[in-house]
Amino acid sequence: MQLGRGAKMRTMAFTVQDLKELLELLEQHPEWKSVLRASLLGE
């Protein structure tokens, strides 16, 4: 990822536990999968 001059990239930790919780939420709300997929991969 390239950022313009003076742009700062902020980081946020995403833990294994966060992933497990996300997967559990997606099991509970399967309609969220398409929204997440589009956000990650583009439409």
C-alpha atoms as a PDB file:
ATOM      1  CA  MET A   1       0.000   0.000   0.000  1.00  0.00           C
ATOM      2  CA  GLN A   2       1.391   3.378  -0.936  1.00  0.00           C
ATOM      3  CA  LEU A   3       0.502   6.489   0.990  1.00  0.00           C
ATOM      4  CA  GLY A   4       0.829  10.058  -0.162  1.00  0.00           C
ATOM      5  CA  ARG A   5       3.421  12.394   1.257  1.00  0.00           C
ATOM      6  CA  GLY A   6       2.865  13.174   4.888  1.00  0.00           C
ATOM      7  CA  ALA A   7       0.268  10.436   5.269  1.00  0.00           C
ATOM      8  CA  LYS A   8       0.550   8.282   8.341  1.00  0.00           C
ATOM      9  CA  MET A   9      -0.498   4.665   8.468  1.00  0.00           C
ATOM     10  CA  ARG A  10      -2.178   3.599  11.673  1.00  0.00           C
ATOM     11  CA  THR A  11      -1.949   0.005  12.764  1.00  0.00           C
ATOM     12  CA  MET A  12      -4.306  -2.052  14.850  1.00  0.00           C
ATOM     13  CA  ALA A  13      -3.611  -5.487  16.251  1.00  0.00           C
ATOM     14  CA  PHE A  14      -5.950  -8.239  15.085  1.00  0.00           C
ATOM     15  CA  THR A  15      -5.536 -11.251  17.316  1.00  0.00           C
ATOM     16  CA  VAL A  16      -6.358 -14.909  16.802  1.00  0.00           C
ATOM     17  CA  GLN A  17      -9.124 -14.461  19.364  1.00  0.00           C
ATOM     18  CA  ASP A  18     -10.544 -11.594  17.289  1.00  0.00           C
ATOM     19  CA  LEU A  19     -10.631 -13.895  14.272  1.00  0.00           C
ATOM     20  CA  LYS A  20     -12.387 -16.627  16.235  1.00  0.00           C
ATOM     21  CA  GLU A  21     -14.987 -14.134  17.448  1.00  0.00           C
ATOM     22  CA  LEU A  22     -15.508 -12.826  13.915  1.00  0.00           C
ATOM     23  CA  LEU A  23     -16.044 -16.356  12.618  1.00  0.00           C
ATOM     24  CA  GLU A  24     -18.563 -17.031  15.382  1.00  0.00           C
ATOM     25  CA  LEU A  25     -20.422 -13.842  14.508  1.00  0.00           C
ATOM     26  CA  LEU A  26     -20.487 -14.806  10.840  1.00  0.00           C
ATOM     27  CA  GLU A  27     -21.996 -18.157  11.787  1.00  0.00           C
ATOM     28  CA  GLN A  28     -24.698 -16.339  13.751  1.00  0.00           C
ATOM     29  CA  HIS A  29     -25.269 -13.739  10.997  1.00  0.00           C
ATOM     30  CA  PRO A  30     -24.594 -15.373   7.609  1.00  0.00           C
ATOM     31  CA  GLU A  31     -26.021 -12.323   5.837  1.00  0.00           C
ATOM     32  CA  TRP A  32     -22.915 -10.396   6.972  1.00  0.00           C
ATOM     33  CA  LYS A  33     -20.636 -12.625   4.895  1.00  0.00           C
ATOM     34  CA  SER A  34     -21.404 -10.926   1.601  1.00  0.00           C
ATOM     35  CA  VAL A  35     -20.822  -7.484   3.103  1.00  0.00           C
ATOM     36  CA  LEU A  36     -17.490  -8.549   4.582  1.00  0.00           C
ATOM     37  CA  ARG A  37     -16.449 -10.263   1.348  1.00  0.00           C
ATOM     38  CA  ALA A  38     -17.229  -7.148  -0.694  1.00  0.00           C
ATOM     39  CA  SER A  39     -15.326  -4.954   1.764  1.00  0.00           C
ATOM     40  CA  LEU A  40     -12.230  -7.144   1.700  1.00  0.00           C
ATOM     41  CA  LEU A  41     -12.152  -8.094  -1.975  1.00  0.00           C
ATOM     42  CA  GLY A  42     -13.931  -5.203  -3.618  1.00  0.00           C
ATOM     43  CA  GLU A  43     -17.247  -5.446  -5.393  1.00  0.00           C
END
